[in-house]
Amino acid sequence: MENKEKSTDARYLLAALIEIYRGNVVYLPEFDPQMERDLLRDVFSSAISFARFDESRQTISNEIFKCVNEGATVKEQMELAKDQTPDVLNAKMVAAAHVLKIMDDSKIMLS
C-alpha cells in the first residue's frame, strides 16, 4: 500500500535536518514542497548568524538565494552535507535546532 500524501510534519523535517547535518542517514518521506521550502529558508536565514567564517556565511547566503529562486529540498541537503565544511554544517544544525525550539515554544509555524 503506497501513501501518496506529502508530509507536513515540520518537527520531523527539522529533526531530520539536524541528523543530516550531524552526518547521519535518515528516512525522508515526501514533504509538502511549500512547507519544505519555507522551513529550509528559515533555517538558512538563521544559520548565517551562527556561522563563524565569512566563507561559511557566503555559502549559506548562496543557499538562501537558491532556495528563494529555485527551491530547495531536504534530500538536496543530504547530498550537500557530504561536501560542506564543518562550520557550515554546524551553523545549519544549530539553526535547525533553534527553529525547532521556537516552533515548540510558541506553537506557531514560521514563514
PDB file of N, CA and C in Angstrom:
ATOM      1  N   MET A   1       0.842  -1.169   0.000  1.00  0.00           N
ATOM      2  CA  MET A   1       0.000   0.000   0.000  1.00  0.00           C
ATOM      3  C   MET A   1       0.891   1.237   0.000  1.00  0.00           C
ATOM      4  N   GLU A   2       0.690   2.100  -0.992  1.00  0.00           N
ATOM      5  CA  GLU A   2       1.533   3.273  -1.135  1.00  0.00           C
ATOM      6  C   GLU A   2       0.759   4.511  -0.715  1.00  0.00           C
ATOM      7  N   ASN A   3       1.391   5.341   0.107  1.00  0.00           N
ATOM      8  CA  ASN A   3       0.762   6.560   0.584  1.00  0.00           C
ATOM      9  C   ASN A   3       1.280   7.726  -0.245  1.00  0.00           C
ATOM     10  N   LYS A   4       0.382   8.384  -0.991  1.00  0.00           N
ATOM     11  CA  LYS A   4       0.771   9.477  -1.883  1.00  0.00           C
ATOM     12  C   LYS A   4       0.732  10.836  -1.194  1.00  0.00           C
ATOM     13  N   GLU A   5       0.296  10.896   0.062  1.00  0.00           N
ATOM     14  CA  GLU A   5       0.225  12.170   0.765  1.00  0.00           C
ATOM     15  C   GLU A   5       1.617  12.674   1.101  1.00  0.00           C
ATOM     16  N   LYS A   6       1.763  13.979   1.046  1.00  0.00           N
ATOM     17  CA  LYS A   6       3.016  14.627   1.400  1.00  0.00           C
ATOM     18  C   LYS A   6       2.983  14.962   2.887  1.00  0.00           C
ATOM     19  N   SER A   7       4.091  14.750   3.557  1.00  0.00           N
ATOM     20  CA  SER A   7       4.178  15.019   4.982  1.00  0.00           C
ATOM     21  C   SER A   7       4.219  16.530   5.236  1.00  0.00           C
ATOM     22  N   THR A   8       3.479  16.945   6.256  1.00  0.00           N
ATOM     23  CA  THR A   8       3.510  18.344   6.682  1.00  0.00           C
ATOM     24  C   THR A   8       4.048  18.446   8.113  1.00  0.00           C
ATOM     25  N   ASP A   9       4.778  17.435   8.532  1.00  0.00           N
ATOM     26  CA  ASP A   9       5.322  17.402   9.885  1.00  0.00           C
ATOM     27  C   ASP A   9       6.621  18.216   9.931  1.00  0.00           C
ATOM     28  N   ALA A  10       6.479  19.484  10.277  1.00  0.00           N
ATOM     29  CA  ALA A  10       7.632  20.389  10.311  1.00  0.00           C
ATOM     30  C   ALA A  10       8.654  19.948  11.347  1.00  0.00           C
ATOM     31  N   ARG A  11       8.187  19.417  12.464  1.00  0.00           N
ATOM     32  CA  ARG A  11       9.112  18.981  13.518  1.00  0.00           C
ATOM     33  C   ARG A  11       9.977  17.825  13.013  1.00  0.00           C
ATOM     34  N   TYR A  12       9.389  16.885  12.273  1.00  0.00           N
ATOM     35  CA  TYR A  12      10.170  15.770  11.731  1.00  0.00           C
ATOM     36  C   TYR A  12      11.202  16.288  10.727  1.00  0.00           C
ATOM     37  N   LEU A  13      10.791  17.230   9.880  1.00  0.00           N
ATOM     38  CA  LEU A  13      11.706  17.784   8.894  1.00  0.00           C
ATOM     39  C   LEU A  13      12.905  18.431   9.584  1.00  0.00           C
ATOM     40  N   LEU A  14      12.649  19.220  10.615  1.00  0.00           N
ATOM     41  CA  LEU A  14      13.750  19.883  11.330  1.00  0.00           C
ATOM     42  C   LEU A  14      14.637  18.878  12.062  1.00  0.00           C
ATOM     43  N   ALA A  15      14.030  17.873  12.676  1.00  0.00           N
ATOM     44  CA  ALA A  15      14.817  16.836  13.359  1.00  0.00           C
ATOM     45  C   ALA A  15      15.669  16.067  12.341  1.00  0.00           C
ATOM     46  N   ALA A  16      15.091  15.809  11.170  1.00  0.00           N
ATOM     47  CA  ALA A  16      15.848  15.126  10.116  1.00  0.00           C
ATOM     48  C   ALA A  16      17.033  15.974   9.670  1.00  0.00           C
ATOM     49  N   LEU A  17      16.821  17.285   9.518  1.00  0.00           N
ATOM     50  CA  LEU A  17      17.926  18.167   9.139  1.00  0.00           C
ATOM     51  C   LEU A  17      19.049  18.123  10.162  1.00  0.00           C
ATOM     52  N   ILE A  18      18.693  18.150  11.433  1.00  0.00           N
ATOM     53  CA  ILE A  18      19.708  18.096  12.487  1.00  0.00           C
ATOM     54  C   ILE A  18      20.544  16.829  12.344  1.00  0.00           C
ATOM     55  N   GLU A  19      19.891  15.715  12.136  1.00  0.00           N
ATOM     56  CA  GLU A  19      20.613  14.447  11.982  1.00  0.00           C
ATOM     57  C   GLU A  19      21.456  14.421  10.704  1.00  0.00           C
ATOM     58  N   ILE A  20      20.927  14.980   9.632  1.00  0.00           N
ATOM     59  CA  ILE A  20      21.682  15.046   8.374  1.00  0.00           C
ATOM     60  C   ILE A  20      22.947  15.869   8.566  1.00  0.00           C
ATOM     61  N   TYR A  21      22.820  17.018   9.221  1.00  0.00           N
ATOM     62  CA  TYR A  21      23.976  17.877   9.432  1.00  0.00           C
ATOM     63  C   TYR A  21      24.972  17.253  10.402  1.00  0.00           C
ATOM     64  N   ARG A  22      24.524  16.302  11.225  1.00  0.00           N
ATOM     65  CA  ARG A  22      25.429  15.567  12.117  1.00  0.00           C
ATOM     66  C   ARG A  22      26.114  14.418  11.382  1.00  0.00           C
ATOM     67  N   GLY A  23      25.699  14.159  10.147  1.00  0.00           N
ATOM     68  CA  GLY A  23      26.334  13.117   9.352  1.00  0.00           C
ATOM     69  C   GLY A  23      25.591  11.796   9.341  1.00  0.00           C
ATOM     70  N   ASN A  24      24.384  11.782   9.853  1.00  0.00           N
ATOM     71  CA  ASN A  24      23.602  10.544   9.902  1.00  0.00           C
ATOM     72  C   ASN A  24      22.668  10.434   8.708  1.00  0.00           C
ATOM     73  N   VAL A  25      22.330   9.216   8.359  1.00  0.00           N
ATOM     74  CA  VAL A  25      21.369   8.945   7.298  1.00  0.00           C
ATOM     75  C   VAL A  25      19.999   8.800   7.952  1.00  0.00           C
ATOM     76  N   VAL A  26      19.002   9.467   7.382  1.00  0.00           N
ATOM     77  CA  VAL A  26      17.654   9.405   7.942  1.00  0.00           C
ATOM     78  C   VAL A  26      16.647   9.061   6.852  1.00  0.00           C
ATOM     79  N   TYR A  27      15.526   8.507   7.283  1.00  0.00           N
ATOM     80  CA  TYR A  27      14.425   8.235   6.368  1.00  0.00           C
ATOM     81  C   TYR A  27      13.739   9.559   6.047  1.00  0.00           C
ATOM     82  N   LEU A  28      13.551   9.836   4.768  1.00  0.00           N
ATOM     83  CA  LEU A  28      12.902  11.078   4.353  1.00  0.00           C
ATOM     84  C   LEU A  28      11.624  10.780   3.582  1.00  0.00           C
ATOM     85  N   PRO A  29      10.485  11.077   4.186  1.00  0.00           N
ATOM     86  CA  PRO A  29       9.240  10.959   3.425  1.00  0.00           C
ATOM     87  C   PRO A  29       9.163  12.105   2.422  1.00  0.00           C
ATOM     88  N   GLU A  30       8.179  12.078   1.562  1.00  0.00           N
ATOM     89  CA  GLU A  30       7.944  13.208   0.668  1.00  0.00           C
ATOM     90  C   GLU A  30       7.288  14.304   1.486  1.00  0.00           C
ATOM     91  N   PHE A  31       7.949  15.463   1.555  1.00  0.00           N
ATOM     92  CA  PHE A  31       7.412  16.584   2.300  1.00  0.00           C
ATOM     93  C   PHE A  31       6.612  17.488   1.386  1.00  0.00           C
ATOM     94  N   ASP A  32       5.676  18.220   1.971  1.00  0.00           N
ATOM     95  CA  ASP A  32       4.955  19.254   1.242  1.00  0.00           C
ATOM     96  C   ASP A  32       5.994  20.252   0.733  1.00  0.00           C
ATOM     97  N   PRO A  33       6.059  20.478  -0.561  1.00  0.00           N
ATOM     98  CA  PRO A  33       7.129  21.317  -1.118  1.00  0.00           C
ATOM     99  C   PRO A  33       7.163  22.743  -0.559  1.00  0.00           C
ATOM    100  N   GLN A  34       6.011  23.351  -0.351  1.00  0.00           N
ATOM    101  CA  GLN A  34       5.988  24.719   0.163  1.00  0.00           C
ATOM    102  C   GLN A  34       6.489  24.770   1.609  1.00  0.00           C
ATOM    103  N   MET A  35       6.041  23.818   2.435  1.00  0.00           N
ATOM    104  CA  MET A  35       6.494  23.766   3.822  1.00  0.00           C
ATOM    105  C   MET A  35       8.003  23.527   3.871  1.00  0.00           C
ATOM    106  N   GLU A  36       8.464  22.614   3.036  1.00  0.00           N
ATOM    107  CA  GLU A  36       9.894  22.271   2.989  1.00  0.00           C
ATOM    108  C   GLU A  36      10.719  23.499   2.602  1.00  0.00           C
ATOM    109  N   ARG A  37      10.291  24.182   1.584  1.00  0.00           N
ATOM    110  CA  ARG A  37      10.997  25.377   1.112  1.00  0.00           C
ATOM    111  C   ARG A  37      11.002  26.468   2.182  1.00  0.00           C
ATOM    112  N   ASP A  38       9.851  26.701   2.821  1.00  0.00           N
ATOM    113  CA  ASP A  38       9.764  27.748   3.848  1.00  0.00           C
ATOM    114  C   ASP A  38      10.648  27.434   5.051  1.00  0.00           C
ATOM    115  N   LEU A  39      10.621  26.181   5.500  1.00  0.00           N
ATOM    116  CA  LEU A  39      11.440  25.816   6.661  1.00  0.00           C
ATOM    117  C   LEU A  39      12.927  25.867   6.336  1.00  0.00           C
ATOM    118  N   LEU A  40      13.301  25.423   5.155  1.00  0.00           N
ATOM    119  CA  LEU A  40      14.710  25.494   4.775  1.00  0.00           C
ATOM    120  C   LEU A  40      15.165  26.951   4.691  1.00  0.00           C
ATOM    121  N   ARG A  41      14.319  27.816   4.150  1.00  0.00           N
ATOM    122  CA  ARG A  41      14.659  29.236   4.102  1.00  0.00           C
ATOM    123  C   ARG A  41      14.852  29.794   5.513  1.00  0.00           C
ATOM    124  N   ASP A  42      13.964  29.409   6.434  1.00  0.00           N
ATOM    125  CA  ASP A  42      14.093  29.856   7.824  1.00  0.00           C
ATOM    126  C   ASP A  42      15.390  29.351   8.460  1.00  0.00           C
ATOM    127  N   VAL A  43      15.713  28.091   8.204  1.00  0.00           N
ATOM    128  CA  VAL A  43      16.947  27.509   8.758  1.00  0.00           C
ATOM    129  C   VAL A  43      18.165  28.215   8.175  1.00  0.00           C
ATOM    130  N   PHE A  44      18.194  28.394   6.866  1.00  0.00           N
ATOM    131  CA  PHE A  44      19.342  29.051   6.239  1.00  0.00           C
ATOM    132  C   PHE A  44      19.487  30.488   6.742  1.00  0.00           C
ATOM    133  N   SER A  45      18.370  31.198   6.851  1.00  0.00           N
ATOM    134  CA  SER A  45      18.421  32.587   7.316  1.00  0.00           C
ATOM    135  C   SER A  45      18.964  32.672   8.741  1.00  0.00           C
ATOM    136  N   SER A  46      18.567  31.734   9.576  1.00  0.00           N
ATOM    137  CA  SER A  46      19.069  31.706  10.950  1.00  0.00           C
ATOM    138  C   SER A  46      20.524  31.266  11.003  1.00  0.00           C
ATOM    139  N   ALA A  47      20.914  30.395  10.100  1.00  0.00           N
ATOM    140  CA  ALA A  47      22.268  29.824  10.124  1.00  0.00           C
ATOM    141  C   ALA A  47      23.347  30.867   9.901  1.00  0.00           C
ATOM    142  N   ILE A  48      23.046  31.909   9.161  1.00  0.00           N
ATOM    143  CA  ILE A  48      24.062  32.930   8.894  1.00  0.00           C
ATOM    144  C   ILE A  48      24.622  33.486  10.201  1.00  0.00           C
ATOM    145  N   SER A  49      23.763  33.701  11.182  1.00  0.00           N
ATOM    146  CA  SER A  49      24.238  34.280  12.442  1.00  0.00           C
ATOM    147  C   SER A  49      25.048  33.289  13.272  1.00  0.00           C
ATOM    148  N   PHE A  50      24.947  32.004  12.972  1.00  0.00           N
ATOM    149  CA  PHE A  50      25.699  31.001  13.726  1.00  0.00           C
ATOM    150  C   PHE A  50      27.024  30.629  13.055  1.00  0.00           C
ATOM    151  N   ALA A  51      27.223  31.034  11.806  1.00  0.00           N
ATOM    152  CA  ALA A  51      28.463  30.714  11.094  1.00  0.00           C
ATOM    153  C   ALA A  51      29.601  31.573  11.636  1.00  0.00           C
ATOM    154  N   ARG A  52      30.770  30.982  11.729  1.00  0.00           N
ATOM    155  CA  ARG A  52      31.921  31.690  12.293  1.00  0.00           C
ATOM    156  C   ARG A  52      32.766  32.390  11.232  1.00  0.00           C
ATOM    157  N   PHE A  53      32.745  31.896  10.012  1.00  0.00           N
ATOM    158  CA  PHE A  53      33.639  32.406   8.978  1.00  0.00           C
ATOM    159  C   PHE A  53      32.859  33.060   7.839  1.00  0.00           C
ATOM    160  N   ASP A  54      33.478  34.070   7.217  1.00  0.00           N
ATOM    161  CA  ASP A  54      32.849  34.776   6.100  1.00  0.00           C
ATOM    162  C   ASP A  54      32.520  33.822   4.952  1.00  0.00           C
ATOM    163  N   GLU A  55      33.414  32.877   4.688  1.00  0.00           N
ATOM    164  CA  GLU A  55      33.180  31.917   3.605  1.00  0.00           C
ATOM    165  C   GLU A  55      31.931  31.081   3.880  1.00  0.00           C
ATOM    166  N   SER A  56      31.739  30.734   5.137  1.00  0.00           N
ATOM    167  CA  SER A  56      30.562  29.951   5.520  1.00  0.00           C
ATOM    168  C   SER A  56      29.296  30.775   5.352  1.00  0.00           C
ATOM    169  N   ARG A  57      29.366  32.040   5.761  1.00  0.00           N
ATOM    170  CA  ARG A  57      28.196  32.917   5.599  1.00  0.00           C
ATOM    171  C   ARG A  57      27.869  33.105   4.128  1.00  0.00           C
ATOM    172  N   GLN A  58      28.883  33.176   3.273  1.00  0.00           N
ATOM    173  CA  GLN A  58      28.647  33.314   1.839  1.00  0.00           C
ATOM    174  C   GLN A  58      28.006  32.053   1.266  1.00  0.00           C
ATOM    175  N   THR A  59      28.476  30.899   1.699  1.00  0.00           N
ATOM    176  CA  THR A  59      27.895  29.638   1.251  1.00  0.00           C
ATOM    177  C   THR A  59      26.418  29.564   1.633  1.00  0.00           C
ATOM    178  N   ILE A  60      26.122  29.920   2.865  1.00  0.00           N
ATOM    179  CA  ILE A  60      24.730  29.878   3.343  1.00  0.00           C
ATOM    180  C   ILE A  60      23.891  30.925   2.612  1.00  0.00           C
ATOM    181  N   SER A  61      24.458  32.086   2.372  1.00  0.00           N
ATOM    182  CA  SER A  61      23.757  33.124   1.618  1.00  0.00           C
ATOM    183  C   SER A  61      23.399  32.634   0.213  1.00  0.00           C
ATOM    184  N   ASN A  62      24.312  31.929  -0.410  1.00  0.00           N
ATOM    185  CA  ASN A  62      24.041  31.352  -1.736  1.00  0.00           C
ATOM    186  C   ASN A  62      22.904  30.336  -1.665  1.00  0.00           C
ATOM    187  N   GLU A  63      22.852  29.574  -0.573  1.00  0.00           N
ATOM    188  CA  GLU A  63      21.774  28.602  -0.409  1.00  0.00           C
ATOM    189  C   GLU A  63      20.428  29.304  -0.220  1.00  0.00           C
ATOM    190  N   ILE A  64      20.425  30.424   0.495  1.00  0.00           N
ATOM    191  CA  ILE A  64      19.183  31.189   0.650  1.00  0.00           C
ATOM    192  C   ILE A  64      18.707  31.668  -0.716  1.00  0.00           C
ATOM    193  N   PHE A  65      19.625  32.224  -1.495  1.00  0.00           N
ATOM    194  CA  PHE A  65      19.286  32.718  -2.824  1.00  0.00           C
ATOM    195  C   PHE A  65      18.691  31.609  -3.683  1.00  0.00           C
ATOM    196  N   LYS A  66      19.343  30.447  -3.677  1.00  0.00           N
ATOM    197  CA  LYS A  66      18.845  29.315  -4.459  1.00  0.00           C
ATOM    198  C   LYS A  66      17.485  28.858  -3.953  1.00  0.00           C
ATOM    199  N   CYS A  67      17.317  28.807  -2.646  1.00  0.00           N
ATOM    200  CA  CYS A  67      16.054  28.366  -2.049  1.00  0.00           C
ATOM    201  C   CYS A  67      14.913  29.279  -2.467  1.00  0.00           C
ATOM    202  N   VAL A  68      15.145  30.578  -2.435  1.00  0.00           N
ATOM    203  CA  VAL A  68      14.097  31.543  -2.773  1.00  0.00           C
ATOM    204  C   VAL A  68      13.782  31.506  -4.262  1.00  0.00           C
ATOM    205  N   ASN A  69      14.809  31.389  -5.092  1.00  0.00           N
ATOM    206  CA  ASN A  69      14.606  31.486  -6.537  1.00  0.00           C
ATOM    207  C   ASN A  69      14.317  30.163  -7.239  1.00  0.00           C
ATOM    208  N   GLU A  70      14.892  29.080  -6.750  1.00  0.00           N
ATOM    209  CA  GLU A  70      14.747  27.798  -7.426  1.00  0.00           C
ATOM    210  C   GLU A  70      14.101  26.738  -6.554  1.00  0.00           C
ATOM    211  N   GLY A  71      14.094  26.959  -5.260  1.00  0.00           N
ATOM    212  CA  GLY A  71      13.589  25.958  -4.331  1.00  0.00           C
ATOM    213  C   GLY A  71      14.739  25.151  -3.748  1.00  0.00           C
ATOM    214  N   ALA A  72      14.431  24.432  -2.694  1.00  0.00           N
ATOM    215  CA  ALA A  72      15.417  23.586  -2.030  1.00  0.00           C
ATOM    216  C   ALA A  72      14.675  22.429  -1.377  1.00  0.00           C
ATOM    217  N   THR A  73      15.377  21.317  -1.207  1.00  0.00           N
ATOM    218  CA  THR A  73      14.772  20.148  -0.572  1.00  0.00           C
ATOM    219  C   THR A  73      15.705  19.581   0.489  1.00  0.00           C
ATOM    220  N   VAL A  74      15.122  18.819   1.376  1.00  0.00           N
ATOM    221  CA  VAL A  74      15.908  18.152   2.412  1.00  0.00           C
ATOM    222  C   VAL A  74      16.814  17.109   1.762  1.00  0.00           C
ATOM    223  N   LYS A  75      16.349  16.466   0.715  1.00  0.00           N
ATOM    224  CA  LYS A  75      17.182  15.480   0.020  1.00  0.00           C
ATOM    225  C   LYS A  75      18.427  16.142  -0.574  1.00  0.00           C
ATOM    226  N   GLU A  76      18.283  17.355  -1.095  1.00  0.00           N
ATOM    227  CA  GLU A  76      19.456  18.086  -1.583  1.00  0.00           C
ATOM    228  C   GLU A  76      20.411  18.392  -0.437  1.00  0.00           C
ATOM    229  N   GLN A  77      19.857  18.696   0.728  1.00  0.00           N
ATOM    230  CA  GLN A  77      20.701  18.973   1.896  1.00  0.00           C
ATOM    231  C   GLN A  77      21.504  17.739   2.280  1.00  0.00           C
ATOM    232  N   MET A  78      20.896  16.563   2.129  1.00  0.00           N
ATOM    233  CA  MET A  78      21.609  15.324   2.443  1.00  0.00           C
ATOM    234  C   MET A  78      22.827  15.165   1.526  1.00  0.00           C
ATOM    235  N   GLU A  79      22.664  15.510   0.261  1.00  0.00           N
ATOM    236  CA  GLU A  79      23.775  15.418  -0.686  1.00  0.00           C
ATOM    237  C   GLU A  79      24.826  16.495  -0.417  1.00  0.00           C
ATOM    238  N   LEU A  80      24.371  17.726  -0.155  1.00  0.00           N
ATOM    239  CA  LEU A  80      25.303  18.825   0.112  1.00  0.00           C
ATOM    240  C   LEU A  80      26.110  18.602   1.382  1.00  0.00           C
ATOM    241  N   ALA A  81      25.512  17.965   2.372  1.00  0.00           N
ATOM    242  CA  ALA A  81      26.180  17.766   3.670  1.00  0.00           C
ATOM    243  C   ALA A  81      27.473  16.973   3.523  1.00  0.00           C
ATOM    244  N   LYS A  82      27.576  16.175   2.481  1.00  0.00           N
ATOM    245  CA  LYS A  82      28.779  15.379   2.266  1.00  0.00           C
ATOM    246  C   LYS A  82      29.987  16.252   1.922  1.00  0.00           C
ATOM    247  N   ASP A  83      29.728  17.434   1.334  1.00  0.00           N
ATOM    248  CA  ASP A  83      30.809  18.268   0.821  1.00  0.00           C
ATOM    249  C   ASP A  83      30.992  19.590   1.558  1.00  0.00           C
ATOM    250  N   GLN A  84      30.105  19.906   2.487  1.00  0.00           N
ATOM    251  CA  GLN A  84      30.202  21.209   3.140  1.00  0.00           C
ATOM    252  C   GLN A  84      31.139  21.175   4.340  1.00  0.00           C
ATOM    253  N   THR A  85      31.642  22.353   4.679  1.00  0.00           N
ATOM    254  CA  THR A  85      32.600  22.473   5.775  1.00  0.00           C
ATOM    255  C   THR A  85      31.917  22.260   7.123  1.00  0.00           C
ATOM    256  N   PRO A  86      32.678  21.876   8.120  1.00  0.00           N
ATOM    257  CA  PRO A  86      32.100  21.711   9.455  1.00  0.00           C
ATOM    258  C   PRO A  86      31.432  22.985   9.978  1.00  0.00           C
ATOM    259  N   ASP A  87      31.974  24.151   9.655  1.00  0.00           N
ATOM    260  CA  ASP A  87      31.367  25.393  10.124  1.00  0.00           C
ATOM    261  C   ASP A  87      29.983  25.603   9.514  1.00  0.00           C
ATOM    262  N   VAL A  88      29.835  25.342   8.228  1.00  0.00           N
ATOM    263  CA  VAL A  88      28.533  25.481   7.567  1.00  0.00           C
ATOM    264  C   VAL A  88      27.547  24.468   8.158  1.00  0.00           C
ATOM    265  N   LEU A  89      27.983  23.229   8.292  1.00  0.00           N
ATOM    266  CA  LEU A  89      27.101  22.189   8.841  1.00  0.00           C
ATOM    267  C   LEU A  89      26.689  22.506  10.274  1.00  0.00           C
ATOM    268  N   ASN A  90      27.648  22.959  11.078  1.00  0.00           N
ATOM    269  CA  ASN A  90      27.333  23.295  12.463  1.00  0.00           C
ATOM    270  C   ASN A  90      26.347  24.460  12.520  1.00  0.00           C
ATOM    271  N   ALA A  91      26.570  25.483  11.713  1.00  0.00           N
ATOM    272  CA  ALA A  91      25.669  26.643  11.702  1.00  0.00           C
ATOM    273  C   ALA A  91      24.253  26.222  11.309  1.00  0.00           C
ATOM    274  N   LYS A  92      24.138  25.377  10.298  1.00  0.00           N
ATOM    275  CA  LYS A  92      22.803  24.941   9.868  1.00  0.00           C
ATOM    276  C   LYS A  92      22.162  24.007  10.894  1.00  0.00           C
ATOM    277  N   MET A  93      22.961  23.173  11.544  1.00  0.00           N
ATOM    278  CA  MET A  93      22.421  22.277  12.568  1.00  0.00           C
ATOM    279  C   MET A  93      21.893  23.081  13.756  1.00  0.00           C
ATOM    280  N   VAL A  94      22.672  24.040  14.222  1.00  0.00           N
ATOM    281  CA  VAL A  94      22.236  24.873  15.341  1.00  0.00           C
ATOM    282  C   VAL A  94      20.999  25.678  14.938  1.00  0.00           C
ATOM    283  N   ALA A  95      20.978  26.177  13.721  1.00  0.00           N
ATOM    284  CA  ALA A  95      19.827  26.942  13.245  1.00  0.00           C
ATOM    285  C   ALA A  95      18.568  26.073  13.188  1.00  0.00           C
ATOM    286  N   ALA A  96      18.699  24.824  12.718  1.00  0.00           N
ATOM    287  CA  ALA A  96      17.540  23.923  12.678  1.00  0.00           C
ATOM    288  C   ALA A  96      17.024  23.657  14.087  1.00  0.00           C
ATOM    289  N   ALA A  97      17.933  23.458  15.029  1.00  0.00           N
ATOM    290  CA  ALA A  97      17.531  23.249  16.427  1.00  0.00           C
ATOM    291  C   ALA A  97      16.871  24.510  16.982  1.00  0.00           C
ATOM    292  N   HIS A  98      17.389  25.668  16.625  1.00  0.00           N
ATOM    293  CA  HIS A  98      16.828  26.945  17.064  1.00  0.00           C
ATOM    294  C   HIS A  98      15.398  27.119  16.535  1.00  0.00           C
ATOM    295  N   VAL A  99      15.199  26.857  15.253  1.00  0.00           N
ATOM    296  CA  VAL A  99      13.864  26.981  14.654  1.00  0.00           C
ATOM    297  C   VAL A  99      12.907  25.981  15.298  1.00  0.00           C
ATOM    298  N   LEU A 100      13.379  24.762  15.548  1.00  0.00           N
ATOM    299  CA  LEU A 100      12.550  23.753  16.211  1.00  0.00           C
ATOM    300  C   LEU A 100      12.151  24.216  17.604  1.00  0.00           C
ATOM    301  N   LYS A 101      13.071  24.771  18.343  1.00  0.00           N
ATOM    302  CA  LYS A 101      12.772  25.267  19.689  1.00  0.00           C
ATOM    303  C   LYS A 101      11.765  26.410  19.634  1.00  0.00           C
ATOM    304  N   ILE A 102      11.935  27.323  18.706  1.00  0.00           N
ATOM    305  CA  ILE A 102      10.989  28.432  18.569  1.00  0.00           C
ATOM    306  C   ILE A 102       9.599  27.899  18.250  1.00  0.00           C
ATOM    307  N   MET A 103       9.530  26.939  17.332  1.00  0.00           N
ATOM    308  CA  MET A 103       8.229  26.349  16.986  1.00  0.00           C
ATOM    309  C   MET A 103       7.592  25.683  18.188  1.00  0.00           C
ATOM    310  N   ASP A 104       8.367  24.927  18.950  1.00  0.00           N
ATOM    311  CA  ASP A 104       7.830  24.232  20.113  1.00  0.00           C
ATOM    312  C   ASP A 104       7.411  25.207  21.208  1.00  0.00           C
ATOM    313  N   ASP A 105       8.202  26.253  21.405  1.00  0.00           N
ATOM    314  CA  ASP A 105       7.892  27.225  22.453  1.00  0.00           C
ATOM    315  C   ASP A 105       6.654  28.044  22.128  1.00  0.00           C
ATOM    316  N   SER A 106       6.509  28.414  20.879  1.00  0.00           N
ATOM    317  CA  SER A 106       5.411  29.310  20.529  1.00  0.00           C
ATOM    318  C   SER A 106       4.243  28.593  19.862  1.00  0.00           C
ATOM    319  N   LYS A 107       4.448  27.346  19.503  1.00  0.00           N
ATOM    320  CA  LYS A 107       3.419  26.551  18.842  1.00  0.00           C
ATOM    321  C   LYS A 107       2.913  27.221  17.557  1.00  0.00           C
ATOM    322  N   ILE A 108       3.836  27.898  16.859  1.00  0.00           N
ATOM    323  CA  ILE A 108       3.466  28.518  15.596  1.00  0.00           C
ATOM    324  C   ILE A 108       4.404  28.033  14.509  1.00  0.00           C
ATOM    325  N   MET A 109       3.978  28.237  13.280  1.00  0.00           N
ATOM    326  CA  MET A 109       4.794  27.897  12.134  1.00  0.00           C
ATOM    327  C   MET A 109       5.433  29.169  11.609  1.00  0.00           C
ATOM    328  N   LEU A 110       6.740  29.146  11.412  1.00  0.00           N
ATOM    329  CA  LEU A 110       7.423  30.309  10.880  1.00  0.00           C
ATOM    330  C   LEU A 110       7.137  30.438   9.397  1.00  0.00           C
ATOM    331  N   SER A 111       7.554  31.556   8.845  1.00  0.00           N
ATOM    332  CA  SER A 111       7.412  31.915   7.428  1.00  0.00           C
ATOM    333  C   SER A 111       6.112  32.491   7.180  1.00  0.00           C
TER     334      SER A 111
END
